[in-house]
Amino acid sequence: GGESLAQVTGRVVPILEDLGARHAEGKVAVVTHRVLV
């Protein structure tokens, strides 16, 4: 009834790629959960 690790990775990678495109430098914090970290 839940997710696999691959499914979680699949939804978080686009966020990281977008974050990298938005912020070329500086410091950015992401507050999330154990599995995602």
All heavy atoms as atom14 arrays in JSON, in Angstrom:
{
  "sequence": "GGESLAQVTGRVVPILEDLGARHAEGKVAVVTHRVLV",
  "atom14_mask": [
    [1, 1, 1, 1, 0, 0, 0, 0, 0, 0, 0, 0, 0, 0],
    [1, 1, 1, 1, 0, 0, 0, 0, 0, 0, 0, 0, 0, 0],
    [1, 1, 1, 1, 1, 1, 1, 1, 1, 0, 0, 0, 0, 0],
    [1, 1, 1, 1, 1, 1, 0, 0, 0, 0, 0, 0, 0, 0],
    [1, 1, 1, 1, 1, 1, 1, 1, 0, 0, 0, 0, 0, 0],
    [1, 1, 1, 1, 1, 0, 0, 0, 0, 0, 0, 0, 0, 0],
    [1, 1, 1, 1, 1, 1, 1, 1, 1, 0, 0, 0, 0, 0],
    [1, 1, 1, 1, 1, 1, 1, 0, 0, 0, 0, 0, 0, 0],
    [1, 1, 1, 1, 1, 1, 1, 0, 0, 0, 0, 0, 0, 0],
    [1, 1, 1, 1, 0, 0, 0, 0, 0, 0, 0, 0, 0, 0],
    [1, 1, 1, 1, 1, 1, 1, 1, 1, 1, 1, 0, 0, 0],
    [1, 1, 1, 1, 1, 1, 1, 0, 0, 0, 0, 0, 0, 0],
    [1, 1, 1, 1, 1, 1, 1, 0, 0, 0, 0, 0, 0, 0],
    [1, 1, 1, 1, 1, 1, 1, 0, 0, 0, 0, 0, 0, 0],
    [1, 1, 1, 1, 1, 1, 1, 1, 0, 0, 0, 0, 0, 0],
    [1, 1, 1, 1, 1, 1, 1, 1, 0, 0, 0, 0, 0, 0],
    [1, 1, 1, 1, 1, 1, 1, 1, 1, 0, 0, 0, 0, 0],
    [1, 1, 1, 1, 1, 1, 1, 1, 0, 0, 0, 0, 0, 0],
    [1, 1, 1, 1, 1, 1, 1, 1, 0, 0, 0, 0, 0, 0],
    [1, 1, 1, 1, 0, 0, 0, 0, 0, 0, 0, 0, 0, 0],
    [1, 1, 1, 1, 1, 0, 0, 0, 0, 0, 0, 0, 0, 0],
    [1, 1, 1, 1, 1, 1, 1, 1, 1, 1, 1, 0, 0, 0],
    [1, 1, 1, 1, 1, 1, 1, 1, 1, 1, 0, 0, 0, 0],
    [1, 1, 1, 1, 1, 0, 0, 0, 0, 0, 0, 0, 0, 0],
    [1, 1, 1, 1, 1, 1, 1, 1, 1, 0, 0, 0, 0, 0],
    [1, 1, 1, 1, 0, 0, 0, 0, 0, 0, 0, 0, 0, 0],
    [1, 1, 1, 1, 1, 1, 1, 1, 1, 0, 0, 0, 0, 0],
    [1, 1, 1, 1, 1, 1, 1, 0, 0, 0, 0, 0, 0, 0],
    [1, 1, 1, 1, 1, 0, 0, 0, 0, 0, 0, 0, 0, 0],
    [1, 1, 1, 1, 1, 1, 1, 0, 0, 0, 0, 0, 0, 0],
    [1, 1, 1, 1, 1, 1, 1, 0, 0, 0, 0, 0, 0, 0],
    [1, 1, 1, 1, 1, 1, 1, 0, 0, 0, 0, 0, 0, 0],
    [1, 1, 1, 1, 1, 1, 1, 1, 1, 1, 0, 0, 0, 0],
    [1, 1, 1, 1, 1, 1, 1, 1, 1, 1, 1, 0, 0, 0],
    [1, 1, 1, 1, 1, 1, 1, 0, 0, 0, 0, 0, 0, 0],
    [1, 1, 1, 1, 1, 1, 1, 1, 0, 0, 0, 0, 0, 0],
    [1, 1, 1, 1, 1, 1, 1, 0, 0, 0, 0, 0, 0, 0]
  ],
  "atom14_positions": [
    [[0.79, -1.23, 0.0], [0.0, 0.0, 0.0], [0.82, 1.27, 0.0], [0.27, 2.37, 0.07], [0.0, 0.0, 0.0], [0.0, 0.0, 0.0], [0.0, 0.0, 0.0], [0.0, 0.0, 0.0], [0.0, 0.0, 0.0], [0.0, 0.0, 0.0], [0.0, 0.0, 0.0], [0.0, 0.0, 0.0], [0.0, 0.0, 0.0], [0.0, 0.0, 0.0]],
    [[2.15, 1.13, -0.07], [3.02, 2.31, 0.0], [3.99, 2.4, -1.17], [3.71, 1.9, -2.26], [0.0, 0.0, 0.0], [0.0, 0.0, 0.0], [0.0, 0.0, 0.0], [0.0, 0.0, 0.0], [0.0, 0.0, 0.0], [0.0, 0.0, 0.0], [0.0, 0.0, 0.0], [0.0, 0.0, 0.0], [0.0, 0.0, 0.0], [0.0, 0.0, 0.0]],
    [[5.13, 3.02, -0.91], [6.11, 3.28, -1.97], [7.33, 2.39, -1.83], [7.61, 1.85, -0.76], [6.6, 4.74, -1.88], [5.6, 5.8, -2.3], [6.19, 7.19, -2.22], [6.47, 7.65, -1.1], [6.38, 7.81, -3.28], [0.0, 0.0, 0.0], [0.0, 0.0, 0.0], [0.0, 0.0, 0.0], [0.0, 0.0, 0.0], [0.0, 0.0, 0.0]],
    [[8.07, 2.31, -2.93], [9.41, 1.72, -2.9], [10.42, 2.86, -2.83], [10.11, 4.02, -3.1], [9.65, 0.9, -4.17], [9.7, 1.76, -5.3], [0.0, 0.0, 0.0], [0.0, 0.0, 0.0], [0.0, 0.0, 0.0], [0.0, 0.0, 0.0], [0.0, 0.0, 0.0], [0.0, 0.0, 0.0], [0.0, 0.0, 0.0], [0.0, 0.0, 0.0]],
    [[11.68, 2.54, -2.49], [12.72, 3.56, -2.48], [12.92, 4.15, -3.86], [13.16, 5.36, -3.99], [14.04, 2.96, -1.96], [14.07, 2.48, -0.51], [15.49, 2.05, -0.13], [13.56, 3.55, 0.45], [0.0, 0.0, 0.0], [0.0, 0.0, 0.0], [0.0, 0.0, 0.0], [0.0, 0.0, 0.0], [0.0, 0.0, 0.0], [0.0, 0.0, 0.0]],
    [[12.81, 3.33, -4.89], [12.98, 3.83, -6.26], [11.91, 4.86, -6.6], [12.19, 5.87, -7.27], [12.93, 2.68, -7.26], [0.0, 0.0, 0.0], [0.0, 0.0, 0.0], [0.0, 0.0, 0.0], [0.0, 0.0, 0.0], [0.0, 0.0, 0.0], [0.0, 0.0, 0.0], [0.0, 0.0, 0.0], [0.0, 0.0, 0.0], [0.0, 0.0, 0.0]],
    [[10.69, 4.64, -6.12], [9.61, 5.6, -6.39], [9.88, 6.93, -5.68], [9.61, 8.0, -6.23], [8.26, 5.02, -5.95], [7.76, 3.92, -6.87], [6.51, 3.24, -6.33], [6.43, 2.92, -5.13], [5.53, 3.02, -7.19], [0.0, 0.0, 0.0], [0.0, 0.0, 0.0], [0.0, 0.0, 0.0], [0.0, 0.0, 0.0], [0.0, 0.0, 0.0]],
    [[10.39, 6.85, -4.45], [10.7, 8.09, -3.73], [11.82, 8.84, -4.44], [11.74, 10.06, -4.65], [11.08, 7.79, -2.26], [11.4, 9.09, -1.53], [9.95, 7.06, -1.55], [0.0, 0.0, 0.0], [0.0, 0.0, 0.0], [0.0, 0.0, 0.0], [0.0, 0.0, 0.0], [0.0, 0.0, 0.0], [0.0, 0.0, 0.0], [0.0, 0.0, 0.0]],
    [[12.87, 8.12, -4.83], [13.95, 8.75, -5.58], [13.42, 9.41, -6.85], [13.8, 10.53, -7.2], [15.04, 7.72, -5.95], [15.61, 7.19, -4.75], [16.14, 8.35, -6.78], [0.0, 0.0, 0.0], [0.0, 0.0, 0.0], [0.0, 0.0, 0.0], [0.0, 0.0, 0.0], [0.0, 0.0, 0.0], [0.0, 0.0, 0.0], [0.0, 0.0, 0.0]],
    [[12.52, 8.72, -7.54], [11.96, 9.24, -8.79], [11.23, 10.56, -8.64], [11.24, 11.38, -9.56], [0.0, 0.0, 0.0], [0.0, 0.0, 0.0], [0.0, 0.0, 0.0], [0.0, 0.0, 0.0], [0.0, 0.0, 0.0], [0.0, 0.0, 0.0], [0.0, 0.0, 0.0], [0.0, 0.0, 0.0], [0.0, 0.0, 0.0], [0.0, 0.0, 0.0]],
    [[10.62, 10.78, -7.46], [9.89, 12.05, -7.3], [10.76, 13.16, -6.73], [10.43, 14.34, -6.86], [8.64, 11.85, -6.45], [8.84, 11.39, -5.03], [7.49, 11.37, -4.3], [7.47, 10.62, -3.07], [7.84, 11.09, -1.88], [8.3, 12.32, -1.79], [7.74, 10.33, -0.8], [0.0, 0.0, 0.0], [0.0, 0.0, 0.0], [0.0, 0.0, 0.0]],
    [[11.89, 12.8, -6.08], [12.71, 13.84, -5.47], [13.82, 14.34, -6.42], [14.22, 15.5, -6.33], [13.31, 13.36, -4.14], [14.49, 12.43, -4.34], [13.73, 14.54, -3.28], [0.0, 0.0, 0.0], [0.0, 0.0, 0.0], [0.0, 0.0, 0.0], [0.0, 0.0, 0.0], [0.0, 0.0, 0.0], [0.0, 0.0, 0.0], [0.0, 0.0, 0.0]],
    [[14.29, 13.51, -7.34], [15.38, 13.92, -8.23], [15.01, 15.15, -9.07], [15.81, 16.08, -9.19], [15.85, 12.75, -9.11], [16.72, 13.24, -10.27], [16.64, 11.76, -8.27], [0.0, 0.0, 0.0], [0.0, 0.0, 0.0], [0.0, 0.0, 0.0], [0.0, 0.0, 0.0], [0.0, 0.0, 0.0], [0.0, 0.0, 0.0], [0.0, 0.0, 0.0]],
    [[13.8, 15.21, -9.67], [13.47, 16.42, -10.43], [13.5, 17.69, -9.59], [13.84, 18.76, -10.09], [12.04, 16.13, -10.94], [11.96, 14.64, -10.99], [12.76, 14.17, -9.82], [0.0, 0.0, 0.0], [0.0, 0.0, 0.0], [0.0, 0.0, 0.0], [0.0, 0.0, 0.0], [0.0, 0.0, 0.0], [0.0, 0.0, 0.0], [0.0, 0.0, 0.0]],
    [[13.18, 17.57, -8.29], [13.25, 18.73, -7.41], [14.69, 19.2, -7.27], [15.0, 20.39, -7.34], [12.67, 18.39, -6.01], [11.19, 18.04, -6.13], [12.88, 19.55, -5.04], [10.62, 17.44, -4.86], [0.0, 0.0, 0.0], [0.0, 0.0, 0.0], [0.0, 0.0, 0.0], [0.0, 0.0, 0.0], [0.0, 0.0, 0.0], [0.0, 0.0, 0.0]],
    [[15.59, 18.24, -7.07], [17.01, 18.58, -6.93], [17.56, 19.2, -8.2], [18.34, 20.15, -8.16], [17.81, 17.33, -6.55], [17.44, 16.68, -5.22], [18.18, 15.36, -5.06], [17.74, 17.61, -4.06], [0.0, 0.0, 0.0], [0.0, 0.0, 0.0], [0.0, 0.0, 0.0], [0.0, 0.0, 0.0], [0.0, 0.0, 0.0], [0.0, 0.0, 0.0]],
    [[17.15, 18.66, -9.34], [17.63, 19.2, -10.62], [17.11, 20.62, -10.83], [17.84, 21.51, -11.27], [17.2, 18.29, -11.76], [17.91, 16.94, -11.73], [17.4, 15.96, -12.77], [16.22, 16.08, -13.19], [18.17, 15.06, -13.16], [0.0, 0.0, 0.0], [0.0, 0.0, 0.0], [0.0, 0.0, 0.0], [0.0, 0.0, 0.0], [0.0, 0.0, 0.0]],
    [[15.85, 20.85, -10.47], [15.28, 22.19, -10.59], [15.94, 23.16, -9.61], [16.24, 24.3, -9.95], [13.77, 22.13, -10.32], [13.1, 23.49, -10.46], [13.11, 24.04, -11.58], [12.6, 24.01, -9.45], [0.0, 0.0, 0.0], [0.0, 0.0, 0.0], [0.0, 0.0, 0.0], [0.0, 0.0, 0.0], [0.0, 0.0, 0.0], [0.0, 0.0, 0.0]],
    [[16.21, 22.67, -8.4], [16.87, 23.49, -7.4], [18.26, 23.92, -7.88], [18.66, 25.07, -7.73], [16.96, 22.7, -6.09], [17.45, 23.39, -4.83], [16.82, 22.71, -3.62], [18.96, 23.31, -4.72], [0.0, 0.0, 0.0], [0.0, 0.0, 0.0], [0.0, 0.0, 0.0], [0.0, 0.0, 0.0], [0.0, 0.0, 0.0], [0.0, 0.0, 0.0]],
    [[18.99, 22.98, -8.49], [20.31, 23.3, -9.02], [20.26, 24.33, -10.13], [21.15, 25.18, -10.26], [0.0, 0.0, 0.0], [0.0, 0.0, 0.0], [0.0, 0.0, 0.0], [0.0, 0.0, 0.0], [0.0, 0.0, 0.0], [0.0, 0.0, 0.0], [0.0, 0.0, 0.0], [0.0, 0.0, 0.0], [0.0, 0.0, 0.0], [0.0, 0.0, 0.0]],
    [[19.19, 24.27, -10.93], [19.04, 25.24, -12.02], [18.67, 26.63, -11.49], [19.08, 27.65, -12.03], [17.96, 24.76, -12.99], [0.0, 0.0, 0.0], [0.0, 0.0, 0.0], [0.0, 0.0, 0.0], [0.0, 0.0, 0.0], [0.0, 0.0, 0.0], [0.0, 0.0, 0.0], [0.0, 0.0, 0.0], [0.0, 0.0, 0.0], [0.0, 0.0, 0.0]],
    [[17.92, 26.67, -10.38], [17.49, 27.95, -9.8], [18.6, 28.64, -9.01], [18.67, 29.85, -8.94], [16.3, 27.73, -8.85], [14.99, 27.39, -9.53], [13.96, 27.02, -8.48], [12.69, 26.67, -9.09], [11.69, 27.53, -9.27], [11.83, 28.78, -8.87], [10.56, 27.14, -9.83], [0.0, 0.0, 0.0], [0.0, 0.0, 0.0], [0.0, 0.0, 0.0]],
    [[19.44, 27.83, -8.38], [20.45, 28.37, -7.46], [21.83, 27.86, -7.86], [22.23, 26.77, -7.48], [20.14, 27.94, -6.02], [18.76, 28.3, -5.56], [18.41, 29.56, -5.16], [17.63, 27.54, -5.46], [17.13, 29.58, -4.81], [16.64, 28.36, -4.99], [0.0, 0.0, 0.0], [0.0, 0.0, 0.0], [0.0, 0.0, 0.0], [0.0, 0.0, 0.0]],
    [[22.55, 28.67, -8.6], [23.89, 28.28, -9.05], [24.92, 28.44, -7.94], [25.98, 27.83, -7.96], [24.31, 29.1, -10.27], [0.0, 0.0, 0.0], [0.0, 0.0, 0.0], [0.0, 0.0, 0.0], [0.0, 0.0, 0.0], [0.0, 0.0, 0.0], [0.0, 0.0, 0.0], [0.0, 0.0, 0.0], [0.0, 0.0, 0.0], [0.0, 0.0, 0.0]],
    [[24.59, 29.3, -6.95], [25.54, 29.54, -5.86], [24.76, 29.93, -4.61], [23.53, 30.06, -4.63], [26.52, 30.64, -6.24], [25.86, 31.95, -6.62], [26.86, 32.98, -7.12], [27.89, 32.59, -7.69], [26.58, 34.18, -6.91], [0.0, 0.0, 0.0], [0.0, 0.0, 0.0], [0.0, 0.0, 0.0], [0.0, 0.0, 0.0], [0.0, 0.0, 0.0]],
    [[25.49, 30.14, -3.51], [24.85, 30.47, -2.25], [24.49, 29.22, -1.47], [24.9, 28.11, -1.8], [0.0, 0.0, 0.0], [0.0, 0.0, 0.0], [0.0, 0.0, 0.0], [0.0, 0.0, 0.0], [0.0, 0.0, 0.0], [0.0, 0.0, 0.0], [0.0, 0.0, 0.0], [0.0, 0.0, 0.0], [0.0, 0.0, 0.0], [0.0, 0.0, 0.0]],
    [[23.69, 29.4, -0.41], [23.3, 28.3, 0.46], [21.79, 28.11, 0.42], [21.03, 29.07, 0.55], [23.74, 28.58, 1.91], [25.25, 28.68, 2.06], [25.64, 28.91, 3.52], [27.16, 29.01, 3.64], [27.59, 29.16, 5.05], [0.0, 0.0, 0.0], [0.0, 0.0, 0.0], [0.0, 0.0, 0.0], [0.0, 0.0, 0.0], [0.0, 0.0, 0.0]],
    [[21.38, 26.87, 0.24], [19.96, 26.53, 0.16], [19.69, 25.39, 1.14], [20.43, 24.4, 1.18], [19.57, 26.1, -1.26], [18.13, 25.59, -1.3], [19.75, 27.26, -2.23], [0.0, 0.0, 0.0], [0.0, 0.0, 0.0], [0.0, 0.0, 0.0], [0.0, 0.0, 0.0], [0.0, 0.0, 0.0], [0.0, 0.0, 0.0], [0.0, 0.0, 0.0]],
    [[18.65, 25.54, 1.94], [18.26, 24.5, 2.9], [17.05, 23.73, 2.4], [16.12, 24.32, 1.84], [17.96, 25.1, 4.27], [0.0, 0.0, 0.0], [0.0, 0.0, 0.0], [0.0, 0.0, 0.0], [0.0, 0.0, 0.0], [0.0, 0.0, 0.0], [0.0, 0.0, 0.0], [0.0, 0.0, 0.0], [0.0, 0.0, 0.0], [0.0, 0.0, 0.0]],
    [[17.07, 22.42, 2.6], [15.94, 21.56, 2.29], [15.57, 20.81, 3.56], [16.38, 20.06, 4.11], [16.28, 20.56, 1.16], [15.15, 19.54, 0.99], [16.54, 21.29, -0.15], [0.0, 0.0, 0.0], [0.0, 0.0, 0.0], [0.0, 0.0, 0.0], [0.0, 0.0, 0.0], [0.0, 0.0, 0.0], [0.0, 0.0, 0.0], [0.0, 0.0, 0.0]],
    [[14.37, 21.04, 4.07], [13.91, 20.42, 5.31], [12.96, 19.29, 4.95], [11.9, 19.52, 4.37], [13.21, 21.44, 6.23], [12.8, 20.77, 7.54], [14.12, 22.63, 6.5], [0.0, 0.0, 0.0], [0.0, 0.0, 0.0], [0.0, 0.0, 0.0], [0.0, 0.0, 0.0], [0.0, 0.0, 0.0], [0.0, 0.0, 0.0], [0.0, 0.0, 0.0]],
    [[13.35, 18.07, 5.28], [12.55, 16.93, 4.85], [12.68, 15.79, 5.86], [12.82, 16.04, 7.06], [12.93, 16.53, 3.4], [12.06, 15.5, 2.95], [14.36, 16.12, 3.26], [0.0, 0.0, 0.0], [0.0, 0.0, 0.0], [0.0, 0.0, 0.0], [0.0, 0.0, 0.0], [0.0, 0.0, 0.0], [0.0, 0.0, 0.0], [0.0, 0.0, 0.0]],
    [[12.64, 14.54, 5.4], [12.48, 13.38, 6.27], [13.65, 12.41, 6.12], [14.42, 12.48, 5.16], [11.16, 12.68, 5.94], [9.99, 13.61, 5.97], [9.24, 13.84, 7.1], [9.46, 14.41, 5.01], [8.29, 14.72, 6.84], [8.41, 15.09, 5.57], [0.0, 0.0, 0.0], [0.0, 0.0, 0.0], [0.0, 0.0, 0.0], [0.0, 0.0, 0.0]],
    [[13.74, 11.49, 7.07], [14.85, 10.54, 7.12], [15.07, 9.82, 5.79], [16.18, 9.81, 5.24], [14.61, 9.5, 8.22], [15.68, 8.42, 8.29], [15.38, 7.38, 9.34], [14.26, 6.52, 8.97], [14.12, 5.26, 9.39], [15.01, 4.73, 10.21], [13.08, 4.54, 9.03], [0.0, 0.0, 0.0], [0.0, 0.0, 0.0], [0.0, 0.0, 0.0]],
    [[14.02, 9.2, 5.26], [14.15, 8.43, 4.03], [14.64, 9.31, 2.89], [15.53, 8.93, 2.12], [12.81, 7.74, 3.67], [12.86, 7.17, 2.25], [12.5, 6.63, 4.65], [0.0, 0.0, 0.0], [0.0, 0.0, 0.0], [0.0, 0.0, 0.0], [0.0, 0.0, 0.0], [0.0, 0.0, 0.0], [0.0, 0.0, 0.0], [0.0, 0.0, 0.0]],
    [[14.07, 10.5, 2.77], [14.45, 11.37, 1.66], [15.89, 11.85, 1.78], [16.61, 11.9, 0.78], [13.49, 12.56, 1.54], [12.24, 12.22, 0.71], [11.22, 11.47, 1.54], [11.62, 13.47, 0.11], [0.0, 0.0, 0.0], [0.0, 0.0, 0.0], [0.0, 0.0, 0.0], [0.0, 0.0, 0.0], [0.0, 0.0, 0.0], [0.0, 0.0, 0.0]],
    [[16.33, 12.18, 3.0], [17.72, 12.61, 3.16], [18.66, 11.47, 2.76], [19.63, 11.68, 2.02], [18.0, 13.07, 4.6], [19.49, 13.34, 4.78], [17.19, 14.32, 4.93], [0.0, 0.0, 0.0], [0.0, 0.0, 0.0], [0.0, 0.0, 0.0], [0.0, 0.0, 0.0], [0.0, 0.0, 0.0], [0.0, 0.0, 0.0], [0.0, 0.0, 0.0]]
  ]
}
